Amino acid sequence: MEAVDVNSMNLGIPLYLWMLLFLVFLVIAFIGLVIYSSRKGMPRDILPPQNKQSKLLKEQYANGEISEEEFLKRMKSLEKRSAKR
């Protein structure tokens, strides 16, 4: 049997390129983690219009700005609009 020189084996991509690729991966992962964690705490004001309107309507009713009759009438109107879509 002949001895094989491990240092002269050609593995395709040199080790320093693998290390560079791994470093690039770590940097991209770190940037992604920072972006994800910063957006996670942000308030999201992307409610559909019906949800915004019903929320506003509930607040008006809770503050006593509108009567129960008016509240129910407007809620039914909102439900009809959402059913048409």
N, C-alpha and C. Protein backbone atom coordinates (compact mmCIF):
# COMPACT_ATOMS: atom_id res chain seq x y z
N MET A 1 0.82 -1.18 0.00
CA MET A 1 0.00 0.00 0.00
C MET A 1 0.86 1.24 0.00
N GLU A 2 0.39 2.19 -0.74
CA GLU A 2 1.12 3.44 -0.85
C GLU A 2 0.54 4.47 0.13
N ALA A 3 1.38 5.28 0.72
CA ALA A 3 0.93 6.31 1.66
C ALA A 3 0.33 7.47 0.89
N VAL A 4 -0.75 8.03 1.41
CA VAL A 4 -1.44 9.15 0.76
C VAL A 4 -1.10 10.43 1.51
N ASP A 5 -0.65 11.42 0.77
CA ASP A 5 -0.33 12.70 1.38
C ASP A 5 -1.63 13.51 1.49
N VAL A 6 -2.11 13.70 2.71
CA VAL A 6 -3.38 14.39 2.95
C VAL A 6 -3.29 15.85 2.53
N ASN A 7 -2.16 16.49 2.69
CA ASN A 7 -2.01 17.90 2.36
C ASN A 7 -2.12 18.17 0.87
N SER A 8 -1.86 17.18 0.05
CA SER A 8 -1.89 17.40 -1.39
C SER A 8 -3.22 17.01 -2.01
N MET A 9 -4.16 16.55 -1.19
CA MET A 9 -5.46 16.16 -1.74
C MET A 9 -6.23 17.40 -2.17
N ASN A 10 -6.86 17.33 -3.32
CA ASN A 10 -7.64 18.44 -3.83
C ASN A 10 -9.09 18.23 -3.43
N LEU A 11 -9.61 19.07 -2.55
CA LEU A 11 -10.98 18.92 -2.07
C LEU A 11 -11.95 19.83 -2.82
N GLY A 12 -11.54 20.42 -3.87
CA GLY A 12 -12.41 21.29 -4.65
C GLY A 12 -12.24 22.74 -4.25
N ILE A 13 -12.87 23.14 -3.19
CA ILE A 13 -12.80 24.52 -2.72
C ILE A 13 -11.81 24.60 -1.57
N PRO A 14 -10.86 25.51 -1.63
CA PRO A 14 -9.88 25.63 -0.55
C PRO A 14 -10.54 26.00 0.78
N LEU A 15 -9.88 25.65 1.86
CA LEU A 15 -10.42 25.85 3.19
C LEU A 15 -10.69 27.32 3.49
N TYR A 16 -9.84 28.22 3.03
CA TYR A 16 -10.05 29.64 3.33
C TYR A 16 -11.33 30.16 2.69
N LEU A 17 -11.73 29.60 1.55
CA LEU A 17 -12.99 30.02 0.93
C LEU A 17 -14.19 29.52 1.72
N TRP A 18 -14.08 28.31 2.28
CA TRP A 18 -15.15 27.79 3.14
C TRP A 18 -15.29 28.67 4.38
N MET A 19 -14.15 29.08 4.94
CA MET A 19 -14.18 29.94 6.12
C MET A 19 -14.79 31.30 5.79
N LEU A 20 -14.46 31.83 4.63
CA LEU A 20 -15.02 33.11 4.19
C LEU A 20 -16.52 32.98 3.97
N LEU A 21 -16.95 31.90 3.36
CA LEU A 21 -18.38 31.65 3.14
C LEU A 21 -19.12 31.55 4.47
N PHE A 22 -18.53 30.88 5.43
CA PHE A 22 -19.14 30.74 6.75
C PHE A 22 -19.22 32.11 7.45
N LEU A 23 -18.19 32.92 7.30
CA LEU A 23 -18.20 34.25 7.90
C LEU A 23 -19.29 35.12 7.27
N VAL A 24 -19.45 35.05 5.97
CA VAL A 24 -20.51 35.80 5.28
C VAL A 24 -21.88 35.33 5.78
N PHE A 25 -22.05 34.03 5.95
CA PHE A 25 -23.30 33.49 6.48
C PHE A 25 -23.58 34.04 7.88
N LEU A 26 -22.58 34.08 8.73
CA LEU A 26 -22.76 34.59 10.09
C LEU A 26 -23.16 36.06 10.09
N VAL A 27 -22.54 36.85 9.23
CA VAL A 27 -22.86 38.27 9.14
C VAL A 27 -24.30 38.46 8.68
N ILE A 28 -24.71 37.73 7.65
CA ILE A 28 -26.08 37.83 7.15
C ILE A 28 -27.08 37.38 8.22
N ALA A 29 -26.77 36.31 8.93
CA ALA A 29 -27.65 35.83 10.00
C ALA A 29 -27.77 36.87 11.11
N PHE A 30 -26.67 37.51 11.46
CA PHE A 30 -26.70 38.53 12.51
C PHE A 30 -27.54 39.73 12.09
N ILE A 31 -27.36 40.17 10.85
CA ILE A 31 -28.15 41.30 10.34
C ILE A 31 -29.64 40.94 10.32
N GLY A 32 -29.96 39.74 9.88
CA GLY A 32 -31.35 39.29 9.88
C GLY A 32 -31.94 39.24 11.28
N LEU A 33 -31.17 38.79 12.24
CA LEU A 33 -31.63 38.73 13.62
C LEU A 33 -31.89 40.12 14.18
N VAL A 34 -31.03 41.06 13.87
CA VAL A 34 -31.21 42.44 14.34
C VAL A 34 -32.47 43.04 13.72
N ILE A 35 -32.68 42.84 12.43
CA ILE A 35 -33.86 43.38 11.77
C ILE A 35 -35.12 42.73 12.33
N TYR A 36 -35.11 41.42 12.52
CA TYR A 36 -36.27 40.71 13.05
C TYR A 36 -36.62 41.19 14.45
N SER A 37 -35.63 41.33 15.30
CA SER A 37 -35.90 41.72 16.68
C SER A 37 -36.34 43.18 16.78
N SER A 38 -35.86 44.04 15.87
CA SER A 38 -36.28 45.44 15.92
C SER A 38 -37.70 45.61 15.40
N ARG A 39 -38.11 44.81 14.46
CA ARG A 39 -39.47 44.91 13.93
C ARG A 39 -40.49 44.24 14.82
N LYS A 40 -40.05 43.30 15.63
CA LYS A 40 -40.96 42.55 16.48
C LYS A 40 -41.65 43.46 17.49
N GLY A 41 -40.97 44.48 17.98
CA GLY A 41 -41.53 45.36 18.97
C GLY A 41 -42.28 46.55 18.40
N MET A 42 -42.30 46.68 17.09
CA MET A 42 -42.96 47.82 16.48
C MET A 42 -44.48 47.65 16.51
N PRO A 43 -45.22 48.73 16.78
CA PRO A 43 -46.68 48.62 16.74
C PRO A 43 -47.14 48.44 15.30
N ARG A 44 -48.13 47.66 15.15
CA ARG A 44 -48.65 47.40 13.80
C ARG A 44 -50.01 48.06 13.66
N ASP A 45 -50.07 49.04 12.81
CA ASP A 45 -51.33 49.74 12.56
C ASP A 45 -51.83 49.40 11.16
N ILE A 46 -51.90 48.10 10.91
CA ILE A 46 -52.34 47.65 9.60
C ILE A 46 -53.65 46.88 9.73
N LEU A 47 -54.56 47.41 10.53
CA LEU A 47 -55.86 46.79 10.66
C LEU A 47 -56.69 47.11 9.42
N PRO A 48 -57.55 46.19 9.01
CA PRO A 48 -58.46 46.51 7.91
C PRO A 48 -59.38 47.66 8.30
N PRO A 49 -59.90 48.38 7.33
CA PRO A 49 -60.75 49.53 7.64
C PRO A 49 -61.94 49.20 8.54
N GLN A 50 -62.57 48.02 8.36
CA GLN A 50 -63.72 47.67 9.20
C GLN A 50 -63.31 47.55 10.66
N ASN A 51 -62.14 46.96 10.91
CA ASN A 51 -61.70 46.81 12.29
C ASN A 51 -61.41 48.17 12.92
N LYS A 52 -60.85 49.09 12.14
CA LYS A 52 -60.59 50.43 12.65
C LYS A 52 -61.90 51.14 12.96
N GLN A 53 -62.87 51.00 12.06
CA GLN A 53 -64.15 51.67 12.25
C GLN A 53 -64.91 51.08 13.43
N SER A 54 -64.89 49.76 13.57
CA SER A 54 -65.61 49.16 14.70
C SER A 54 -64.91 49.49 16.02
N LYS A 55 -63.60 49.58 16.00
CA LYS A 55 -62.87 49.97 17.21
C LYS A 55 -63.23 51.40 17.61
N LEU A 56 -63.26 52.30 16.63
CA LEU A 56 -63.63 53.68 16.89
C LEU A 56 -65.08 53.76 17.40
N LEU A 57 -65.95 52.98 16.81
CA LEU A 57 -67.35 52.96 17.21
C LEU A 57 -67.50 52.47 18.65
N LYS A 58 -66.74 51.44 19.01
CA LYS A 58 -66.79 50.92 20.39
C LYS A 58 -66.27 51.96 21.38
N GLU A 59 -65.24 52.69 20.98
CA GLU A 59 -64.71 53.74 21.86
C GLU A 59 -65.73 54.86 22.05
N GLN A 60 -66.41 55.23 20.97
CA GLN A 60 -67.44 56.27 21.09
C GLN A 60 -68.56 55.83 22.02
N TYR A 61 -68.97 54.58 21.89
CA TYR A 61 -70.03 54.05 22.75
C TYR A 61 -69.56 53.99 24.20
N ALA A 62 -68.32 53.56 24.41
CA ALA A 62 -67.79 53.46 25.78
C ALA A 62 -67.66 54.84 26.42
N ASN A 63 -67.35 55.86 25.63
CA ASN A 63 -67.22 57.22 26.16
C ASN A 63 -68.57 57.91 26.32
N GLY A 64 -69.64 57.28 25.86
CA GLY A 64 -70.97 57.87 26.00
C GLY A 64 -71.28 58.88 24.92
N GLU A 65 -70.52 58.89 23.85
CA GLU A 65 -70.75 59.85 22.77
C GLU A 65 -71.95 59.46 21.91
N ILE A 66 -72.25 58.16 21.84
CA ILE A 66 -73.40 57.69 21.07
C ILE A 66 -74.22 56.75 21.95
N SER A 67 -75.50 56.62 21.61
CA SER A 67 -76.39 55.76 22.39
C SER A 67 -76.22 54.31 21.96
N GLU A 68 -76.81 53.41 22.74
CA GLU A 68 -76.74 51.99 22.42
C GLU A 68 -77.45 51.71 21.10
N GLU A 69 -78.57 52.37 20.90
CA GLU A 69 -79.34 52.20 19.66
C GLU A 69 -78.50 52.60 18.45
N GLU A 70 -77.84 53.76 18.54
CA GLU A 70 -76.98 54.24 17.45
C GLU A 70 -75.80 53.29 17.24
N PHE A 71 -75.23 52.80 18.33
CA PHE A 71 -74.11 51.86 18.26
C PHE A 71 -74.50 50.60 17.50
N LEU A 72 -75.63 50.00 17.89
CA LEU A 72 -76.09 48.77 17.24
C LEU A 72 -76.41 49.00 15.76
N LYS A 73 -77.02 50.14 15.47
CA LYS A 73 -77.36 50.47 14.08
C LYS A 73 -76.10 50.56 13.22
N ARG A 74 -75.09 51.26 13.74
CA ARG A 74 -73.84 51.41 12.98
C ARG A 74 -73.07 50.10 12.87
N MET A 75 -73.10 49.28 13.91
CA MET A 75 -72.40 47.98 13.85
C MET A 75 -73.04 47.09 12.79
N LYS A 76 -74.38 47.08 12.72
CA LYS A 76 -75.06 46.29 11.68
C LYS A 76 -74.68 46.78 10.29
N SER A 77 -74.57 48.10 10.16
CA SER A 77 -74.19 48.69 8.88
C SER A 77 -72.77 48.24 8.48
N LEU A 78 -71.87 48.23 9.45
CA LEU A 78 -70.50 47.78 9.17
C LEU A 78 -70.47 46.30 8.79
N GLU A 79 -71.27 45.50 9.48
CA GLU A 79 -71.31 44.06 9.18
C GLU A 79 -71.85 43.81 7.78
N LYS A 80 -72.85 44.59 7.38
CA LYS A 80 -73.40 44.44 6.02
C LYS A 80 -72.36 44.77 4.97
N ARG A 81 -71.60 45.85 5.22
CA ARG A 81 -70.55 46.24 4.26
C ARG A 81 -69.48 45.16 4.13
N SER A 82 -69.11 44.58 5.27
CA SER A 82 -68.05 43.56 5.22
C SER A 82 -68.56 42.27 4.58
N ALA A 83 -69.86 41.99 4.69
CA ALA A 83 -70.43 40.80 4.08
C ALA A 83 -70.49 40.92 2.56
N LYS A 84 -70.64 42.15 2.07
CA LYS A 84 -70.71 42.37 0.61
C LYS A 84 -69.36 42.12 -0.05
N ARG A 85 -68.28 42.30 0.67
CA ARG A 85 -66.93 42.16 0.09
C ARG A 85 -66.52 40.76 -0.01
